[in-house]
C-alpha atoms as a PDB file:
ATOM      1  CA  PRO A   1      40.075 251.558 -83.249  1.00  0.00           C
ATOM      2  CA  LEU A   2      38.568 254.237 -85.517  1.00  0.00           C
ATOM      3  CA  TYR A   3      40.946 253.534 -88.371  1.00  0.00           C
ATOM      4  CA  ILE A   4      40.654 249.779 -87.872  1.00  0.00           C
ATOM      5  CA  THR A   5      36.862 249.969 -88.039  1.00  0.00           C
ATOM      6  CA  TYR A   6      37.092 252.069 -91.200  1.00  0.00           C
ATOM      7  CA  HIS A   7      39.564 249.603 -92.723  1.00  0.00           C
ATOM      8  CA  ASP A   8      37.526 246.525 -91.819  1.00  0.00           C
ATOM      9  CA  GLU A   9      34.072 247.863 -92.713  1.00  0.00           C
ATOM     10  CA  GLU A  10      34.498 250.516 -95.418  1.00  0.00           C
ATOM     11  CA  TRP A  11      37.869 250.554 -97.140  1.00  0.00           C
ATOM     12  CA  GLY A  12      37.732 248.770-100.485  1.00  0.00           C
ATOM     13  CA  VAL A  13      33.954 248.311-100.369  1.00  0.00           C
ATOM     14  CA  PRO A  14      32.332 249.537-103.604  1.00  0.00           C
ATOM     15  CA  LEU A  15      30.033 252.540-103.173  1.00  0.00           C
ATOM     16  CA  HIS A  16      26.930 253.149-105.269  1.00  0.00           C
ATOM     17  CA  ASP A  17      25.223 255.853-103.219  1.00  0.00           C
ATOM     18  CA  ASP A  18      25.747 259.389-104.540  1.00  0.00           C
ATOM     19  CA  LYS A  19      25.885 260.961-101.078  1.00  0.00           C
ATOM     20  CA  LEU A  20      28.492 258.465 -99.881  1.00  0.00           C
ATOM     21  CA  LEU A  21      30.545 259.020-103.027  1.00  0.00           C
ATOM     22  CA  PHE A  22      30.352 262.786-102.480  1.00  0.00           C
ATOM     23  CA  GLU A  23      31.362 262.276 -98.839  1.00  0.00           C
ATOM     24  CA  MET A  24      34.445 260.302 -99.887  1.00  0.00           C
ATOM     25  CA  LEU A  25      35.345 263.000-102.429  1.00  0.00           C
ATOM     26  CA  VAL A  26      35.110 265.782 -99.830  1.00  0.00           C
ATOM     27  CA  LEU A  27      36.913 263.816 -97.123  1.00  0.00           C
ATOM     28  CA  SER A  28      39.672 262.777 -99.510  1.00  0.00           C
ATOM     29  CA  ALA A  29      40.200 266.388-100.558  1.00  0.00           C
ATOM     30  CA  ALA A  30      40.268 267.460 -96.909  1.00  0.00           C
ATOM     31  CA  GLN A  31      42.868 264.800 -96.143  1.00  0.00           C
ATOM     32  CA  VAL A  32      45.512 266.366 -98.404  1.00  0.00           C
ATOM     33  CA  GLY A  33      48.324 267.527 -96.126  1.00  0.00           C
ATOM     34  CA  SER A  34      46.850 265.674 -93.156  1.00  0.00           C
ATOM     35  CA  ASP A  35      46.263 262.054 -92.256  1.00  0.00           C
ATOM     36  CA  TRP A  36      43.198 259.898 -92.729  1.00  0.00           C
ATOM     37  CA  THR A  37      42.747 259.218 -89.006  1.00  0.00           C
ATOM     38  CA  SER A  38      42.425 262.966 -88.328  1.00  0.00           C
ATOM     39  CA  ILE A  39      39.765 263.220 -91.025  1.00  0.00           C
ATOM     40  CA  LEU A  40      37.879 260.222 -89.652  1.00  0.00           C
ATOM     41  CA  LYS A  41      37.834 261.883 -86.211  1.00  0.00           C
ATOM     42  CA  LYS A  42      36.178 264.943 -87.782  1.00  0.00           C
ATOM     43  CA  ARG A  43      33.863 262.934 -90.044  1.00  0.00           C
ATOM     44  CA  GLN A  44      30.691 263.768 -88.134  1.00  0.00           C
ATOM     45  CA  ASP A  45      31.605 267.462 -88.221  1.00  0.00           C
ATOM     46  CA  PHE A  46      31.943 267.210 -91.998  1.00  0.00           C
ATOM     47  CA  ARG A  47      28.573 265.444 -92.230  1.00  0.00           C
ATOM     48  CA  ASP A  48      26.951 268.149 -90.135  1.00  0.00           C
ATOM     49  CA  ALA A  49      28.692 270.980 -91.976  1.00  0.00           C
ATOM     50  CA  PHE A  50      27.709 269.684 -95.408  1.00  0.00           C
ATOM     51  CA  SER A  51      24.112 268.664 -94.634  1.00  0.00           C
ATOM     52  CA  GLY A  52      24.769 264.948 -94.795  1.00  0.00           C
ATOM     53  CA  PHE A  53      26.701 265.468 -98.035  1.00  0.00           C
ATOM     54  CA  ASP A  54      23.608 266.377-100.026  1.00  0.00           C
ATOM     55  CA  PRO A  55      25.081 267.866-103.233  1.00  0.00           C
ATOM     56  CA  GLU A  56      21.980 269.974-103.913  1.00  0.00           C
ATOM     57  CA  VAL A  57      22.171 271.638-100.511  1.00  0.00           C
ATOM     58  CA  VAL A  58      25.939 272.127-100.662  1.00  0.00           C
ATOM     59  CA  ALA A  59      25.765 273.579-104.188  1.00  0.00           C
ATOM     60  CA  ASN A  60      23.496 276.344-102.920  1.00  0.00           C
ATOM     61  CA  LEU A  61      25.624 277.493 -99.989  1.00  0.00           C
ATOM     62  CA  ASN A  62      26.213 281.229-100.112  1.00  0.00           C
ATOM     63  CA  GLU A  63      29.443 282.970 -99.115  1.00  0.00           C
ATOM     64  CA  ARG A  64      28.141 283.764 -95.632  1.00  0.00           C
ATOM     65  CA  LYS A  65      27.303 280.115 -94.954  1.00  0.00           C
ATOM     66  CA  ILE A  66      30.628 278.965 -96.452  1.00  0.00           C
ATOM     67  CA  THR A  67      32.502 281.249 -94.054  1.00  0.00           C
ATOM     68  CA  SER A  68      30.297 280.128 -91.166  1.00  0.00           C
ATOM     69  CA  ILE A  69      31.015 276.449 -91.863  1.00  0.00           C
ATOM     70  CA  SER A  70      34.744 277.133 -91.992  1.00  0.00           C
ATOM     71  CA  THR A  71      34.660 278.957 -88.664  1.00  0.00           C
ATOM     72  CA  GLU A  72      32.212 276.697 -86.827  1.00  0.00           C
ATOM     73  CA  TYR A  73      33.668 273.353 -87.889  1.00  0.00           C
ATOM     74  CA  GLY A  74      37.323 274.305 -88.287  1.00  0.00           C
ATOM     75  CA  ILE A  75      37.406 273.293 -91.940  1.00  0.00           C
ATOM     76  CA  GLU A  76      39.769 275.292 -94.129  1.00  0.00           C
ATOM     77  CA  LEU A  77      37.879 277.860 -96.183  1.00  0.00           C
ATOM     78  CA  SER A  78      39.410 276.542 -99.408  1.00  0.00           C
ATOM     79  CA  ARG A  79      38.154 273.038 -98.568  1.00  0.00           C
ATOM     80  CA  VAL A  80      34.626 274.323 -98.004  1.00  0.00           C
ATOM     81  CA  ARG A  81      34.704 276.226-101.290  1.00  0.00           C
ATOM     82  CA  GLY A  82      36.074 273.115-102.985  1.00  0.00           C
ATOM     83  CA  ALA A  83      33.160 271.055-101.679  1.00  0.00           C
ATOM     84  CA  VAL A  84      30.705 273.632-103.030  1.00  0.00           C
ATOM     85  CA  ASP A  85      32.468 273.665-106.398  1.00  0.00           C
ATOM     86  CA  ASN A  86      32.526 269.863-106.562  1.00  0.00           C
ATOM     87  CA  SER A  87      28.840 269.649-105.687  1.00  0.00           C
ATOM     88  CA  ASN A  88      28.064 271.977-108.589  1.00  0.00           C
ATOM     89  CA  ARG A  89      30.109 269.767-110.930  1.00  0.00           C
ATOM     90  CA  ILE A  90      28.239 266.684-109.709  1.00  0.00           C
ATOM     91  CA  LEU A  91      24.912 268.326-110.473  1.00  0.00           C
ATOM     92  CA  GLU A  92      25.889 269.342-114.021  1.00  0.00           C
END
C-alpha cells in the first residue's frame, strides 16, 4: 500500500517546492543500495531528522548533531553528511 500510494499520488508529479525537491534529493541518495519501499517506510524519520528538509537548518548542522542524527534515526553517517553538503550547495 505504501508504494502504491506513492506511485499513484507522487511519482511523476512535477515538484516546485524547494523543500520537497530537497527531500527527494536526500531520499534518492539514501536509496542507493537499498529499495524505495524501505526509504518510504523511513520517510518520516528522515523528515524529523532533517527538520522538515529545510536546507538552511540542515546546512548549519554541526558534527555533533550529524552524528546524533545518524545514531538516533539509523541513517548512515555518510548519507547525513551528504545531505548537509547538498543543502550547502542548494544555498550557494
